Amino acid sequence: MKILLAALAASSLFVGGWATITPDPLPEGITAGAKVQLTFLVKQHGVTPLAGLKPTVLINRGTDAPTKFVATAGKSKGWYASTLTFAQAGDWHITIESGFGSSKTTLPIQKVGAAVASQ
């Protein structure tokens, strides 16, 4: 009976609940084609950092189909990082999907400038 209860308790970790996603600020002056690292912290119920997740980051302009980036474990428990590349200048939507249930967050519109031509 104890084993059954322990198994049920472990499986319930991912069945219910919610998570908060706290991103670090992106750098200013992002240009098209540049690689930009997005780091963020995922906490279960806003308290406990969650390791072992498989978060993804979706970016898109307007109604364009989103581009999906995988995030990997970051600097410490609950932190993740993803390297993004914005293909064109414009206003970009960024959504982080935590990998914990349906928890996700959408960042404010990110303005991306045109690539600077080298001289």
C-alpha atoms as a PDB file:
ATOM      1  CA  MET A   1       0.000   0.000   0.000  1.00  0.00           C
ATOM      2  CA  LYS A   2       2.862   2.409   0.834  1.00  0.00           C
ATOM      3  CA  ILE A   3       4.421   1.801  -2.584  1.00  0.00           C
ATOM      4  CA  LEU A   4       1.120   2.528  -4.317  1.00  0.00           C
ATOM      5  CA  LEU A   5       0.680   5.785  -2.388  1.00  0.00           C
ATOM      6  CA  ALA A   6       4.262   6.831  -3.164  1.00  0.00           C
ATOM      7  CA  ALA A   7       3.722   6.112  -6.863  1.00  0.00           C
ATOM      8  CA  LEU A   8       0.490   8.105  -6.893  1.00  0.00           C
ATOM      9  CA  ALA A   9       2.157  11.027  -5.120  1.00  0.00           C
ATOM     10  CA  ALA A  10       5.044  11.039  -7.602  1.00  0.00           C
ATOM     11  CA  SER A  11       2.746  10.878 -10.624  1.00  0.00           C
ATOM     12  CA  SER A  12       0.601  13.723  -9.332  1.00  0.00           C
ATOM     13  CA  LEU A  13       3.566  16.114  -9.543  1.00  0.00           C
ATOM     14  CA  PHE A  14       2.892  16.635 -13.228  1.00  0.00           C
ATOM     15  CA  VAL A  15      -0.870  16.070 -13.305  1.00  0.00           C
ATOM     16  CA  GLY A  16      -2.042  19.292 -11.723  1.00  0.00           C
ATOM     17  CA  GLY A  17      -0.766  22.604 -10.564  1.00  0.00           C
ATOM     18  CA  TRP A  18       0.834  25.473 -12.308  1.00  0.00           C
ATOM     19  CA  ALA A  19       4.207  27.090 -12.713  1.00  0.00           C
ATOM     20  CA  THR A  20       5.523  30.615 -12.969  1.00  0.00           C
ATOM     21  CA  ILE A  21       8.020  31.552 -15.661  1.00  0.00           C
ATOM     22  CA  THR A  22      10.354  34.452 -14.955  1.00  0.00           C
ATOM     23  CA  PRO A  23      12.539  35.479 -17.910  1.00  0.00           C
ATOM     24  CA  ASP A  24      15.704  37.534 -17.687  1.00  0.00           C
ATOM     25  CA  PRO A  25      15.510  40.701 -19.813  1.00  0.00           C
ATOM     26  CA  LEU A  26      16.549  40.350 -23.430  1.00  0.00           C
ATOM     27  CA  PRO A  27      19.339  42.645 -24.597  1.00  0.00           C
ATOM     28  CA  GLU A  28      18.411  45.949 -26.215  1.00  0.00           C
ATOM     29  CA  GLY A  29      19.055  46.564 -29.889  1.00  0.00           C
ATOM     30  CA  ILE A  30      18.439  43.056 -31.235  1.00  0.00           C
ATOM     31  CA  THR A  31      19.001  42.852 -34.989  1.00  0.00           C
ATOM     32  CA  ALA A  32      17.705  40.350 -37.521  1.00  0.00           C
ATOM     33  CA  GLY A  33      19.912  37.289 -37.892  1.00  0.00           C
ATOM     34  CA  ALA A  34      21.720  37.771 -34.576  1.00  0.00           C
ATOM     35  CA  LYS A  35      21.742  34.957 -32.016  1.00  0.00           C
ATOM     36  CA  VAL A  36      20.135  36.007 -28.735  1.00  0.00           C
ATOM     37  CA  GLN A  37      20.092  33.948 -25.557  1.00  0.00           C
ATOM     38  CA  LEU A  38      16.883  33.928 -23.533  1.00  0.00           C
ATOM     39  CA  THR A  39      17.194  32.606 -19.975  1.00  0.00           C
ATOM     40  CA  PHE A  40      14.279  31.977 -17.641  1.00  0.00           C
ATOM     41  CA  LEU A  41      13.352  30.392 -14.313  1.00  0.00           C
ATOM     42  CA  VAL A  42      10.447  27.961 -13.908  1.00  0.00           C
ATOM     43  CA  LYS A  43       8.948  27.518 -10.419  1.00  0.00           C
ATOM     44  CA  GLN A  44       6.132  25.179  -9.406  1.00  0.00           C
ATOM     45  CA  HIS A  45       3.384  27.272  -7.798  1.00  0.00           C
ATOM     46  CA  GLY A  46       5.785  30.210  -7.924  1.00  0.00           C
ATOM     47  CA  VAL A  47       7.940  28.703  -5.158  1.00  0.00           C
ATOM     48  CA  THR A  48       9.970  25.589  -6.012  1.00  0.00           C
ATOM     49  CA  PRO A  49      12.423  25.668  -8.956  1.00  0.00           C
ATOM     50  CA  LEU A  50      11.617  22.845 -11.377  1.00  0.00           C
ATOM     51  CA  ALA A  51      14.426  20.829 -12.937  1.00  0.00           C
ATOM     52  CA  GLY A  52      14.080  18.142 -15.589  1.00  0.00           C
ATOM     53  CA  LEU A  53      11.588  19.982 -17.803  1.00  0.00           C
ATOM     54  CA  LYS A  54      11.668  20.280 -21.594  1.00  0.00           C
ATOM     55  CA  PRO A  55      10.623  23.885 -22.196  1.00  0.00           C
ATOM     56  CA  THR A  56      10.226  25.401 -25.633  1.00  0.00           C
ATOM     57  CA  VAL A  57      10.194  28.961 -26.903  1.00  0.00           C
ATOM     58  CA  LEU A  58       7.978  29.991 -29.818  1.00  0.00           C
ATOM     59  CA  ILE A  59       8.586  33.169 -31.789  1.00  0.00           C
ATOM     60  CA  ASN A  60       6.601  34.665 -34.640  1.00  0.00           C
ATOM     61  CA  ARG A  61       5.811  37.941 -36.406  1.00  0.00           C
ATOM     62  CA  GLY A  62       2.145  38.790 -36.733  1.00  0.00           C
ATOM     63  CA  THR A  63       0.291  35.843 -38.197  1.00  0.00           C
ATOM     64  CA  ASP A  64       3.422  34.038 -39.446  1.00  0.00           C
ATOM     65  CA  ALA A  65       3.770  30.420 -38.353  1.00  0.00           C
ATOM     66  CA  PRO A  66       5.855  30.244 -35.172  1.00  0.00           C
ATOM     67  CA  THR A  67       9.449  29.055 -35.074  1.00  0.00           C
ATOM     68  CA  LYS A  68      10.119  26.676 -32.191  1.00  0.00           C
ATOM     69  CA  PHE A  69      13.331  26.624 -30.147  1.00  0.00           C
ATOM     70  CA  VAL A  70      14.216  24.029 -27.516  1.00  0.00           C
ATOM     71  CA  ALA A  71      15.451  25.233 -24.134  1.00  0.00           C
ATOM     72  CA  THR A  72      18.122  23.372 -22.186  1.00  0.00           C
ATOM     73  CA  ALA A  73      18.960  23.238 -18.489  1.00  0.00           C
ATOM     74  CA  GLY A  74      20.675  26.439 -17.419  1.00  0.00           C
ATOM     75  CA  LYS A  75      22.916  27.766 -14.693  1.00  0.00           C
ATOM     76  CA  SER A  76      21.105  26.204 -11.725  1.00  0.00           C
ATOM     77  CA  LYS A  77      17.994  24.235 -10.751  1.00  0.00           C
ATOM     78  CA  GLY A  78      14.896  25.542 -12.511  1.00  0.00           C
ATOM     79  CA  TRP A  79      16.828  27.768 -14.936  1.00  0.00           C
ATOM     80  CA  TYR A  80      16.683  27.165 -18.682  1.00  0.00           C
ATOM     81  CA  ALA A  81      18.234  28.806 -21.725  1.00  0.00           C
ATOM     82  CA  SER A  82      17.351  28.972 -25.393  1.00  0.00           C
ATOM     83  CA  THR A  83      19.243  30.632 -28.227  1.00  0.00           C
ATOM     84  CA  LEU A  84      16.853  32.506 -30.507  1.00  0.00           C
ATOM     85  CA  THR A  85      17.390  33.894 -33.996  1.00  0.00           C
ATOM     86  CA  PHE A  86      14.938  36.427 -35.401  1.00  0.00           C
ATOM     87  CA  ALA A  87      14.930  36.012 -39.182  1.00  0.00           C
ATOM     88  CA  GLN A  88      13.675  39.488 -40.091  1.00  0.00           C
ATOM     89  CA  ALA A  89      13.215  42.935 -38.654  1.00  0.00           C
ATOM     90  CA  GLY A  90       9.824  43.688 -37.142  1.00  0.00           C
ATOM     91  CA  ASP A  91       7.654  43.148 -34.097  1.00  0.00           C
ATOM     92  CA  TRP A  92       8.036  39.638 -32.686  1.00  0.00           C
ATOM     93  CA  HIS A  93       5.873  37.667 -30.283  1.00  0.00           C
ATOM     94  CA  ILE A  94       7.730  35.377 -27.837  1.00  0.00           C
ATOM     95  CA  THR A  95       5.969  32.635 -25.884  1.00  0.00           C
ATOM     96  CA  ILE A  96       7.750  30.416 -23.364  1.00  0.00           C
ATOM     97  CA  GLU A  97       6.108  27.038 -22.755  1.00  0.00           C
ATOM     98  CA  SER A  98       7.465  25.709 -19.452  1.00  0.00           C
ATOM     99  CA  GLY A  99       7.053  21.989 -20.096  1.00  0.00           C
ATOM    100  CA  PHE A 100       5.099  21.758 -16.810  1.00  0.00           C
ATOM    101  CA  GLY A 101       1.484  21.123 -17.723  1.00  0.00           C
ATOM    102  CA  SER A 102       0.071  23.975 -19.770  1.00  0.00           C
ATOM    103  CA  SER A 103       2.044  26.715 -18.001  1.00  0.00           C
ATOM    104  CA  LYS A 104       3.298  29.321 -20.443  1.00  0.00           C
ATOM    105  CA  THR A 105       3.920  33.039 -20.637  1.00  0.00           C
ATOM    106  CA  THR A 106       3.996  35.540 -23.458  1.00  0.00           C
ATOM    107  CA  LEU A 107       6.525  38.352 -23.308  1.00  0.00           C
ATOM    108  CA  PRO A 108       5.889  41.914 -24.463  1.00  0.00           C
ATOM    109  CA  ILE A 109       6.386  42.509 -28.197  1.00  0.00           C
ATOM    110  CA  GLN A 110      10.089  42.427 -29.055  1.00  0.00           C
ATOM    111  CA  LYS A 111      11.189  44.970 -31.654  1.00  0.00           C
ATOM    112  CA  VAL A 112      13.942  43.608 -33.886  1.00  0.00           C
ATOM    113  CA  GLY A 113      15.928  45.955 -36.097  1.00  0.00           C
ATOM    114  CA  ALA A 114      17.276  45.367 -39.576  1.00  0.00           C
ATOM    115  CA  ALA A 115      20.659  43.692 -39.821  1.00  0.00           C
ATOM    116  CA  VAL A 116      23.483  46.191 -40.052  1.00  0.00           C
ATOM    117  CA  ALA A 117      25.346  45.926 -43.338  1.00  0.00           C
ATOM    118  CA  SER A 118      29.078  45.411 -42.899  1.00  0.00           C
ATOM    119  CA  GLN A 119      31.300  47.909 -44.625  1.00  0.00           C
END
